[in-house]
Amino acid sequence: MDIFPISLKLQQQPCLIVGGGRIAYRKAILLAKAGAIIDVVAPEIENSLLEIVIASQGQYVQVPFSPDIRLRNYRLVIAATNDKATNIQVFEACEAENVLVNSVDDPPHCRFMVPAIVDRSPLVVSIATNGTSPVLSRQIRTQLEATIPHGMGKLAEFSGKWRAAVKEKIINPDERRIFWEDLYASPLKEQVFNDKISVADELIEQALQQWKTPKGEVCLVGAGPGDPELLTLKALRLMQQADVVIYDRLVSQPILDLCRRDAEKIYVGKARSNHAVPQEGINALLVKYAEQGKRVCRLKGGDPFIFGRGGEEIQELFASGIGFQVVPGITAASGCSAYAGIPLTHRDYAQSVRFLTGHLKEGSPELPWHELVYANQTLVLYMGLVGLEKICQQLIAHGQRPDMPVALISKGTTPEQKVVVGTLADIASKVSEHQIQAPTLTIIGEVVSLREQLQWQG
């Protein structure tokens, strides 16, 4: 994060704008909305800007900028002249006095940025790009303007009116957050939007009277294969509501960043022969935090029920009387194959697909080899990188063609995705040659030959 977003309270606070033209006028409008007292220093000033200055009870000083101006008297300064040298002079003078300064359209000479704003006062949403792309900020603002109802400002004001009463009734801050989340998901919101405040008051009074300490719950959430845009809407909502997030090594950092920022995050990742927390310990953690009344998000790469041991975790929760729900995720087979341009089924090549785990038991893969050597079938191997050579040997030994196409998809759907194509006879030798690393998905079948036509990612 290159900039630290803050919201300044500028009501009746002195602010200085250097410059008297159209650029200065646009900045003055925003400061006036925030209730600032606006002073302007410039040789000339537009009438519209002067009107704002007078209305804010500020002053217009008709002189060029000079470092002798007492900048320490101001909360912030905006350099908004058409002369870059003057703007730089303003910046340097403010830096010497430790005063917040913004030079319009000159990011290197800014100590703060003026963001694009969605105003639903008292709810204000700001969008900033550290000065790199103001047009992009404005485009995002336009999208948010269309999706955030104007009534949200009324809802924020209504919430502020009831905040003290809710805080007095519900002491625990985590429980209080849940109360507000549930309330915003109830019919109360529409009542406020429609200015039926008396009805909304009755609803919140009733909710407070009926409030009981919530029971803990565990949500098994499939995080998908890595690309955060492949998350389901429900997954994202529950990730944002969780008090505790228990995640494994297949959950990418961009996805983890979408979880509630102040949630407790516990890593329980498991790699081959290196379990950060054994499965029994993970089960115990889920029960422990749920029994404390927490909303627990068990965030698992891919889908919880496809080689994710989600069933084992749910059995433990059921035995302990813990409530739970499961959110499916896009499993690696469908996600990685799609990003690699390899359809798992195709009318001309494969009418069935089979998911297998490539984990070895006592050094040897135990798979139903005779069932796997079958025409028009695609095999998808999870966690099969270590035993790949033996798996290929066994398939060939049981009758599969040595030239059957094979694809290795490493870190699929992420920016680090790497795809290597070969055959059963030579694919194992390409692992070290191309520095293929886990997590890697293996696809075996004629459909792999379609990648040359259908690939759209790296």
Protein backbone atom coordinates (compact mmCIF):
# COMPACT_ATOMS: atom_id res chain seq x y z
CA MET A 1 0.00 0.00 0.00
CA ASP A 2 1.75 3.13 -1.24
CA ILE A 3 -0.63 5.60 0.42
CA PHE A 4 -2.44 5.62 3.74
CA PRO A 5 -6.12 6.53 3.33
CA ILE A 6 -7.59 8.83 5.97
CA SER A 7 -10.69 10.99 6.28
CA LEU A 8 -10.04 14.52 7.52
CA LYS A 9 -12.54 16.52 9.56
CA LEU A 10 -12.21 20.03 8.17
CA GLN A 11 -15.31 21.74 9.57
CA GLN A 12 -14.30 25.31 10.52
CA GLN A 13 -10.65 24.46 9.85
CA PRO A 14 -8.46 26.93 7.88
CA CYS A 15 -7.24 25.64 4.52
CA LEU A 16 -5.21 27.48 1.88
CA ILE A 17 -5.49 27.31 -1.89
CA VAL A 18 -2.70 28.89 -3.93
CA GLY A 19 -4.16 29.89 -7.29
CA GLY A 20 -7.28 31.74 -8.38
CA GLY A 21 -8.41 29.99 -11.55
CA ARG A 22 -10.60 27.09 -12.64
CA ILE A 23 -8.38 24.39 -11.07
CA ALA A 24 -8.48 26.17 -7.72
CA TYR A 25 -12.26 26.56 -8.04
CA ARG A 26 -12.79 22.78 -8.42
CA LYS A 27 -10.76 22.08 -5.27
CA ALA A 28 -12.54 24.83 -3.36
CA ILE A 29 -15.92 23.20 -4.04
CA LEU A 30 -14.79 20.02 -2.24
CA LEU A 31 -13.28 21.90 0.69
CA ALA A 32 -16.46 23.96 1.05
CA LYS A 33 -18.59 20.79 1.13
CA ALA A 34 -16.38 19.59 3.99
CA GLY A 35 -17.05 22.84 5.89
CA ALA A 36 -13.53 24.27 5.66
CA ILE A 37 -12.61 27.94 5.99
CA ILE A 38 -10.92 28.67 2.67
CA ASP A 39 -8.21 31.26 2.11
CA VAL A 40 -6.89 31.92 -1.40
CA VAL A 41 -3.56 33.49 -2.35
CA ALA A 42 -3.29 34.57 -6.00
CA PRO A 43 -2.66 37.70 -8.11
CA GLU A 44 -6.14 37.27 -9.67
CA ILE A 45 -9.26 35.31 -8.78
CA GLU A 46 -12.38 34.15 -10.62
CA ASN A 47 -15.66 35.51 -9.29
CA SER A 48 -17.08 32.01 -8.70
CA LEU A 49 -14.07 31.11 -6.53
CA LEU A 50 -14.28 34.38 -4.63
CA GLU A 51 -17.92 33.66 -3.81
CA ILE A 52 -16.92 30.31 -2.26
CA VAL A 53 -14.15 31.98 -0.23
CA ILE A 54 -16.53 34.61 1.16
CA ALA A 55 -19.23 32.02 1.93
CA SER A 56 -16.70 29.93 3.87
CA GLN A 57 -15.70 33.01 5.93
CA GLY A 58 -12.23 32.86 4.42
CA GLN A 59 -10.06 35.57 2.88
CA TYR A 60 -8.67 36.36 -0.55
CA VAL A 61 -5.12 37.77 -0.47
CA GLN A 62 -4.27 39.37 -3.81
CA VAL A 63 -0.53 38.65 -3.95
CA PRO A 64 1.72 36.04 -5.58
CA PHE A 65 2.69 33.13 -3.35
CA SER A 66 5.62 33.73 -1.03
CA PRO A 67 7.27 31.33 1.43
CA ASP A 68 6.84 34.07 4.02
CA ILE A 69 3.13 33.18 4.31
CA ARG A 70 2.46 31.58 7.71
CA LEU A 71 1.68 28.09 6.45
CA ARG A 72 1.52 26.64 9.95
CA ASN A 73 -1.82 28.37 10.37
CA TYR A 74 -3.40 25.91 7.91
CA ARG A 75 -4.55 22.30 8.22
CA LEU A 76 -3.68 21.69 4.58
CA VAL A 77 -2.55 23.55 1.47
CA ILE A 78 -3.42 22.98 -2.19
CA ALA A 79 -1.15 24.32 -4.93
CA ALA A 80 -3.48 24.91 -7.88
CA THR A 81 -1.75 27.40 -10.18
CA ASN A 82 -0.94 26.99 -13.86
CA ASP A 83 2.75 27.49 -13.10
CA LYS A 84 4.62 24.30 -12.15
CA ALA A 85 7.52 26.20 -10.62
CA THR A 86 5.13 28.02 -8.25
CA ASN A 87 3.45 24.76 -7.29
CA ILE A 88 6.84 23.21 -6.49
CA GLN A 89 7.70 26.27 -4.42
CA VAL A 90 4.47 25.79 -2.45
CA PHE A 91 5.26 22.12 -1.92
CA GLU A 92 8.79 22.80 -0.65
CA ALA A 93 7.60 25.53 1.71
CA CYS A 94 4.93 23.24 3.17
CA GLU A 95 7.39 20.38 3.56
CA ALA A 96 9.66 22.67 5.57
CA GLU A 97 6.74 23.42 7.92
CA ASN A 98 5.35 19.82 8.02
CA VAL A 99 2.04 20.98 6.53
CA LEU A 100 -0.03 18.61 4.39
CA VAL A 101 0.19 19.75 0.75
CA ASN A 102 -1.24 18.71 -2.60
CA SER A 103 0.09 19.94 -5.94
CA VAL A 104 -2.67 19.38 -8.48
CA ASP A 105 -1.75 16.80 -11.15
CA ASP A 106 1.83 16.56 -9.86
CA PRO A 107 2.09 13.38 -7.71
CA PRO A 108 5.82 13.74 -6.83
CA HIS A 109 4.98 17.05 -5.14
CA CYS A 110 2.03 15.81 -3.09
CA ARG A 111 1.96 14.79 0.55
CA PHE A 112 -1.70 13.84 0.19
CA MET A 113 -3.98 13.00 -2.73
CA VAL A 114 -7.52 14.22 -3.38
CA PRO A 115 -9.44 11.04 -4.27
CA ALA A 116 -12.44 10.49 -6.50
CA ILE A 117 -15.45 10.66 -4.19
CA VAL A 118 -18.84 8.98 -3.93
CA ASP A 119 -20.80 11.24 -1.60
CA ARG A 120 -23.64 9.68 0.37
CA SER A 121 -23.03 11.84 3.44
CA PRO A 122 -22.41 10.93 6.14
CA LEU A 123 -21.20 7.90 4.14
CA VAL A 124 -18.30 8.93 1.89
CA VAL A 125 -16.41 6.52 -0.35
CA SER A 126 -13.06 7.60 -1.78
CA ILE A 127 -11.02 6.01 -4.57
CA ALA A 128 -7.36 6.80 -5.11
CA THR A 129 -4.56 5.48 -7.34
CA ASN A 130 -1.65 7.39 -5.75
CA GLY A 131 -1.89 9.88 -8.58
CA THR A 132 -1.02 7.32 -11.25
CA SER A 133 -4.42 7.15 -12.95
CA PRO A 134 -7.05 9.72 -11.99
CA VAL A 135 -9.18 8.73 -14.99
CA LEU A 136 -9.37 5.16 -13.66
CA SER A 137 -10.41 6.49 -10.26
CA ARG A 138 -13.22 8.44 -11.88
CA GLN A 139 -14.38 5.40 -13.86
CA ILE A 140 -14.55 3.32 -10.68
CA ARG A 141 -16.42 6.16 -8.98
CA THR A 142 -18.96 6.09 -11.81
CA GLN A 143 -19.48 2.36 -11.30
CA LEU A 144 -19.94 2.81 -7.56
CA GLU A 145 -22.35 5.70 -8.07
CA ALA A 146 -24.59 3.28 -9.94
CA THR A 147 -24.40 0.52 -7.32
CA ILE A 148 -24.55 2.39 -3.99
CA PRO A 149 -28.13 3.56 -3.31
CA HIS A 150 -28.54 7.19 -2.32
CA GLY A 151 -30.39 5.94 0.72
CA MET A 152 -27.13 4.62 2.18
CA GLY A 153 -26.47 8.07 3.59
CA LYS A 154 -29.79 7.92 5.44
CA LEU A 155 -28.91 4.47 6.75
CA ALA A 156 -25.55 5.70 8.03
CA GLU A 157 -27.26 8.62 9.79
CA PHE A 158 -29.88 6.29 11.27
CA SER A 159 -27.15 3.96 12.54
CA GLY A 160 -25.35 6.87 14.18
CA LYS A 161 -28.54 7.81 16.04
CA TRP A 162 -28.81 4.28 17.51
CA ARG A 163 -25.11 3.57 17.98
CA ALA A 164 -24.94 4.48 21.68
CA ALA A 165 -28.04 2.46 22.56
CA VAL A 166 -26.74 -0.62 20.74
CA LYS A 167 -23.33 -0.27 22.39
CA GLU A 168 -24.95 -0.08 25.83
CA LYS A 169 -27.11 -3.17 25.19
CA ILE A 170 -24.48 -5.33 23.45
CA ILE A 171 -21.13 -5.00 25.24
CA ASN A 172 -19.09 -7.46 23.20
CA PRO A 173 -17.77 -5.71 20.03
CA ASP A 174 -17.81 -8.91 17.94
CA GLU A 175 -21.45 -9.55 18.88
CA ARG A 176 -22.26 -5.91 18.16
CA ARG A 177 -20.80 -6.20 14.67
CA ILE A 178 -22.95 -9.28 14.03
CA PHE A 179 -26.01 -7.38 15.26
CA TRP A 180 -25.45 -4.58 12.76
CA GLU A 181 -24.68 -7.01 9.91
CA ASP A 182 -27.92 -8.87 10.55
CA LEU A 183 -29.83 -5.61 10.84
CA TYR A 184 -28.53 -4.29 7.52
CA ALA A 185 -29.64 -7.55 5.89
CA SER A 186 -33.16 -7.17 7.31
CA PRO A 187 -36.21 -5.20 6.04
CA LEU A 188 -35.10 -2.28 8.22
CA LYS A 189 -32.80 -0.99 5.48
CA GLU A 190 -35.64 -0.50 3.00
CA GLN A 191 -37.72 1.28 5.63
CA VAL A 192 -34.93 3.82 6.12
CA PHE A 193 -34.45 4.18 2.36
CA ASN A 194 -38.17 5.01 2.07
CA ASP A 195 -38.03 7.55 4.93
CA LYS A 196 -40.19 5.38 7.19
CA ILE A 197 -37.99 6.15 10.17
CA SER A 198 -40.62 5.45 12.83
CA VAL A 199 -41.07 1.91 11.46
CA ALA A 200 -37.29 1.45 11.39
CA ASP A 201 -37.07 2.65 15.00
CA GLU A 202 -39.60 0.01 16.03
CA LEU A 203 -37.68 -2.70 14.18
CA ILE A 204 -34.37 -1.90 15.82
CA GLU A 205 -35.98 -1.64 19.27
CA GLN A 206 -37.51 -5.08 18.73
CA ALA A 207 -34.18 -6.50 17.52
CA LEU A 208 -32.43 -5.20 20.64
CA GLN A 209 -35.08 -6.67 22.96
CA GLN A 210 -34.81 -10.08 21.26
CA TRP A 211 -31.02 -10.12 20.98
CA LYS A 212 -29.27 -13.23 22.24
CA THR A 213 -25.59 -14.11 22.15
CA PRO A 214 -25.09 -15.84 18.77
CA LYS A 215 -23.84 -19.38 18.56
CA GLY A 216 -20.58 -20.06 16.78
CA GLU A 217 -20.60 -21.45 13.27
CA VAL A 218 -18.06 -22.84 10.82
CA CYS A 219 -18.23 -22.13 7.10
CA LEU A 220 -16.18 -24.42 4.86
CA VAL A 221 -15.43 -22.13 1.95
CA GLY A 222 -13.88 -23.20 -1.34
CA ALA A 223 -11.38 -20.53 -2.40
CA GLY A 224 -10.95 -21.89 -5.91
CA PRO A 225 -7.64 -22.55 -7.67
CA GLY A 226 -6.03 -19.13 -7.11
CA ASP A 227 -7.57 -16.35 -9.19
CA PRO A 228 -9.60 -14.19 -6.74
CA GLU A 229 -12.13 -13.40 -9.48
CA LEU A 230 -13.18 -17.06 -9.43
CA LEU A 231 -14.57 -16.76 -5.89
CA THR A 232 -18.32 -17.14 -5.54
CA LEU A 233 -20.36 -14.22 -4.20
CA LYS A 234 -21.32 -16.25 -1.15
CA ALA A 235 -17.70 -17.13 -0.44
CA LEU A 236 -16.70 -13.47 -0.51
CA ARG A 237 -19.58 -12.47 1.79
CA LEU A 238 -18.71 -15.09 4.41
CA MET A 239 -15.00 -14.26 4.20
CA GLN A 240 -15.90 -10.65 5.00
CA GLN A 241 -18.04 -11.66 7.99
CA ALA A 242 -15.65 -14.13 9.63
CA ASP A 243 -14.10 -13.51 13.06
CA VAL A 244 -11.49 -16.21 12.44
CA VAL A 245 -10.06 -17.43 9.12
CA ILE A 246 -8.30 -20.81 9.13
CA TYR A 247 -6.59 -21.28 5.78
CA ASP A 248 -4.27 -23.68 3.98
CA ARG A 249 -1.26 -23.20 1.72
CA LEU A 250 -3.30 -23.38 -1.50
CA VAL A 251 -5.12 -20.14 -0.66
CA SER A 252 -3.43 -17.38 -2.64
CA GLN A 253 -2.46 -14.10 -0.98
CA PRO A 254 -4.82 -12.00 -3.16
CA ILE A 255 -7.70 -14.16 -1.93
CA LEU A 256 -6.57 -13.94 1.69
CA ASP A 257 -6.46 -10.15 1.33
CA LEU A 258 -10.21 -10.21 0.61
CA CYS A 259 -10.98 -11.58 4.07
CA ARG A 260 -12.13 -9.22 6.79
CA ARG A 261 -9.08 -7.15 7.63
CA ASP A 262 -9.34 -7.44 11.42
CA ALA A 263 -10.22 -11.15 11.47
CA GLU A 264 -7.79 -13.47 13.22
CA LYS A 265 -5.96 -15.46 10.53
CA ILE A 266 -4.49 -18.88 11.33
CA TYR A 267 -2.29 -20.74 8.85
CA VAL A 268 -2.67 -24.53 8.91
CA GLY A 269 -1.09 -25.24 5.51
CA LYS A 270 -0.10 -28.74 4.58
CA ALA A 271 2.63 -29.60 2.13
CA ARG A 272 3.93 -33.07 1.37
CA SER A 273 5.65 -34.45 4.50
CA ASN A 274 5.39 -31.01 6.13
CA HIS A 275 2.11 -30.44 7.95
CA ALA A 276 2.03 -27.07 9.70
CA VAL A 277 -0.94 -28.39 11.70
CA PRO A 278 -2.09 -32.04 11.48
CA GLN A 279 -5.68 -32.72 10.45
CA GLU A 280 -6.72 -33.57 13.99
CA GLY A 281 -5.36 -30.23 15.13
CA ILE A 282 -7.31 -28.40 12.42
CA ASN A 283 -10.50 -30.13 13.49
CA ALA A 284 -9.85 -29.12 17.09
CA LEU A 285 -9.26 -25.48 16.09
CA LEU A 286 -12.57 -25.34 14.27
CA VAL A 287 -14.44 -26.66 17.29
CA LYS A 288 -12.52 -24.45 19.73
CA TYR A 289 -13.30 -21.14 18.05
CA ALA A 290 -16.89 -22.04 17.20
CA GLU A 291 -17.52 -22.96 20.86
CA GLN A 292 -16.31 -19.45 21.73
CA GLY A 293 -19.18 -18.06 19.64
CA LYS A 294 -16.94 -17.08 16.72
CA ARG A 295 -17.85 -17.07 13.05
CA VAL A 296 -15.16 -19.31 11.62
CA CYS A 297 -14.24 -19.41 7.93
CA ARG A 298 -12.34 -22.57 7.01
CA LEU A 299 -10.83 -21.37 3.76
CA LYS A 300 -9.65 -24.20 1.52
CA GLY A 301 -8.04 -24.11 -1.90
CA GLY A 302 -10.26 -25.42 -4.70
CA ASP A 303 -13.41 -27.15 -3.45
CA PRO A 304 -13.76 -28.45 0.14
CA PHE A 305 -15.23 -31.78 -0.99
CA ILE A 306 -12.78 -32.66 -3.76
CA PHE A 307 -9.61 -34.00 -2.13
CA GLY A 308 -10.00 -31.25 0.46
CA ARG A 309 -10.87 -33.41 3.50
CA GLY A 310 -13.88 -31.21 4.08
CA GLY A 311 -15.99 -34.26 4.89
CA GLU A 312 -13.70 -35.19 7.79
CA GLU A 313 -13.92 -31.69 9.22
CA ILE A 314 -17.71 -31.64 8.98
CA GLN A 315 -17.92 -35.01 10.76
CA GLU A 316 -15.97 -33.51 13.67
CA LEU A 317 -18.24 -30.46 13.75
CA PHE A 318 -21.35 -32.63 13.69
CA ALA A 319 -20.05 -34.77 16.52
CA SER A 320 -19.39 -31.62 18.59
CA GLY A 321 -22.80 -30.09 17.87
CA ILE A 322 -21.33 -27.15 15.92
CA GLY A 323 -23.39 -25.51 13.19
CA PHE A 324 -21.80 -25.41 9.75
CA GLN A 325 -22.35 -24.69 6.10
CA VAL A 326 -20.37 -25.51 2.97
CA VAL A 327 -19.66 -23.16 0.07
CA PRO A 328 -18.44 -24.98 -3.04
CA GLY A 329 -15.47 -23.61 -4.89
CA ILE A 330 -14.15 -24.05 -8.41
CA THR A 331 -11.97 -27.12 -8.15
CA ALA A 332 -8.48 -27.12 -9.67
CA ALA A 333 -9.51 -29.56 -12.40
CA SER A 334 -12.05 -27.22 -13.98
CA GLY A 335 -10.26 -23.97 -13.16
CA CYS A 336 -6.76 -24.91 -14.25
CA SER A 337 -7.88 -26.82 -17.34
CA ALA A 338 -9.98 -23.85 -18.49
CA TYR A 339 -7.10 -21.40 -18.01
CA ALA A 340 -4.79 -23.78 -19.88
CA GLY A 341 -7.19 -24.09 -22.82
CA ILE A 342 -7.82 -27.81 -22.27
CA PRO A 343 -11.48 -28.93 -22.17
CA LEU A 344 -11.88 -31.93 -19.88
CA THR A 345 -14.56 -33.39 -22.14
CA HIS A 346 -15.10 -33.06 -25.87
CA ARG A 347 -17.51 -34.89 -28.14
CA ASP A 348 -14.69 -36.10 -30.41
CA TYR A 349 -12.10 -36.92 -27.74
CA ALA A 350 -13.51 -37.66 -24.27
CA GLN A 351 -16.98 -38.46 -22.99
CA SER A 352 -15.92 -38.99 -19.37
CA VAL A 353 -13.48 -37.49 -16.92
CA ARG A 354 -12.01 -39.03 -13.80
CA PHE A 355 -10.49 -37.20 -10.83
CA LEU A 356 -7.70 -39.02 -8.97
CA THR A 357 -5.24 -38.25 -6.21
CA GLY A 358 -1.64 -38.94 -7.08
CA HIS A 359 -0.45 -39.23 -3.47
CA LEU A 360 1.79 -42.23 -2.92
CA LYS A 361 1.30 -44.80 -0.19
CA GLU A 362 4.56 -46.36 0.98
CA GLY A 363 6.27 -45.11 -2.15
CA SER A 364 3.85 -46.65 -4.66
CA PRO A 365 0.70 -45.25 -6.23
CA GLU A 366 -2.35 -47.40 -5.53
CA LEU A 367 -4.81 -46.78 -8.37
CA PRO A 368 -7.19 -49.04 -10.33
CA TRP A 369 -4.92 -49.12 -13.38
CA HIS A 370 -7.12 -51.33 -15.60
CA GLU A 371 -10.04 -48.91 -15.18
CA LEU A 372 -7.87 -45.95 -16.11
CA VAL A 373 -6.74 -47.29 -19.46
CA TYR A 374 -9.98 -46.57 -21.25
CA ALA A 375 -10.74 -44.97 -24.58
CA ASN A 376 -12.29 -41.49 -24.68
CA GLN A 377 -11.55 -40.75 -21.02
CA THR A 378 -9.68 -37.85 -19.45
CA LEU A 379 -7.67 -38.43 -16.27
CA VAL A 380 -7.03 -35.56 -13.88
CA LEU A 381 -4.41 -36.14 -11.19
CA TYR A 382 -4.31 -33.97 -8.09
CA MET A 383 -1.07 -33.92 -6.08
CA GLY A 384 0.62 -36.26 -8.50
CA LEU A 385 3.89 -34.45 -9.16
CA VAL A 386 6.11 -36.55 -6.87
CA GLY A 387 4.81 -39.88 -8.15
CA LEU A 388 4.41 -38.79 -11.78
CA GLU A 389 7.11 -41.06 -13.22
CA LYS A 390 5.70 -44.20 -11.56
CA ILE A 391 2.16 -43.28 -12.55
CA CYS A 392 3.17 -42.91 -16.19
CA GLN A 393 5.06 -46.20 -16.08
CA GLN A 394 2.06 -48.03 -14.61
CA LEU A 395 -0.36 -46.63 -17.20
CA ILE A 396 1.95 -47.71 -20.04
CA ALA A 397 2.45 -51.12 -18.42
CA HIS A 398 -1.31 -51.60 -18.29
CA GLY A 399 -1.81 -50.85 -21.96
CA GLN A 400 -1.95 -47.08 -22.39
CA ARG A 401 -0.17 -45.61 -25.43
CA PRO A 402 3.23 -44.10 -24.58
CA ASP A 403 2.40 -41.15 -26.87
CA MET A 404 -0.82 -40.25 -24.99
CA PRO A 405 -0.79 -36.46 -24.49
CA VAL A 406 -0.16 -35.15 -20.97
CA ALA A 407 -0.26 -31.60 -19.57
CA LEU A 408 1.22 -30.28 -16.35
CA ILE A 409 -0.39 -27.08 -15.07
CA SER A 410 1.60 -25.44 -12.28
CA LYS A 411 0.03 -22.68 -10.16
CA GLY A 412 -2.96 -22.62 -12.49
CA THR A 413 -5.17 -19.50 -12.84
CA THR A 414 -2.53 -17.31 -11.14
CA PRO A 415 -0.07 -14.90 -12.79
CA GLU A 416 2.62 -17.56 -12.21
CA GLN A 417 0.75 -20.22 -14.23
CA LYS A 418 3.02 -22.50 -16.23
CA VAL A 419 1.84 -25.21 -18.63
CA VAL A 420 4.09 -27.97 -20.00
CA VAL A 421 2.80 -30.49 -22.53
CA GLY A 422 4.33 -33.87 -23.35
CA THR A 423 3.44 -37.55 -23.49
CA LEU A 424 3.31 -40.39 -21.00
CA ALA A 425 6.74 -41.43 -22.21
CA ASP A 426 8.52 -38.12 -21.66
CA ILE A 427 6.48 -35.87 -19.35
CA ALA A 428 8.30 -36.94 -16.16
CA SER A 429 11.63 -35.81 -17.60
CA LYS A 430 10.19 -32.33 -18.27
CA VAL A 431 9.43 -31.62 -14.61
CA SER A 432 13.00 -30.69 -13.69
CA GLU A 433 13.74 -29.32 -17.15
CA HIS A 434 10.96 -26.71 -16.83
CA GLN A 435 11.28 -26.34 -13.04
CA ILE A 436 7.69 -27.36 -12.42
CA GLN A 437 6.67 -26.90 -8.77
CA ALA A 438 3.65 -27.72 -6.65
CA PRO A 439 0.78 -27.14 -6.72
CA THR A 440 0.58 -28.85 -10.10
CA LEU A 441 -2.37 -30.51 -11.80
CA THR A 442 -1.79 -33.32 -14.31
CA ILE A 443 -4.19 -33.93 -17.21
CA ILE A 444 -3.87 -37.11 -19.28
CA GLY A 445 -5.91 -37.66 -22.42
CA GLU A 446 -6.47 -36.72 -26.05
CA VAL A 447 -8.10 -33.44 -25.01
CA VAL A 448 -4.62 -32.12 -24.19
CA SER A 449 -3.92 -31.92 -27.94
CA LEU A 450 -6.58 -29.17 -28.19
CA ARG A 451 -4.50 -26.74 -26.14
CA GLU A 452 -2.60 -25.56 -29.21
CA GLN A 453 -5.90 -24.26 -30.66
CA LEU A 454 -7.74 -23.22 -27.53
CA GLN A 455 -5.16 -21.72 -25.20
CA TRP A 456 -5.91 -18.15 -24.17
CA GLN A 457 -3.69 -17.81 -21.11
CA GLY A 458 0.03 -18.44 -20.61
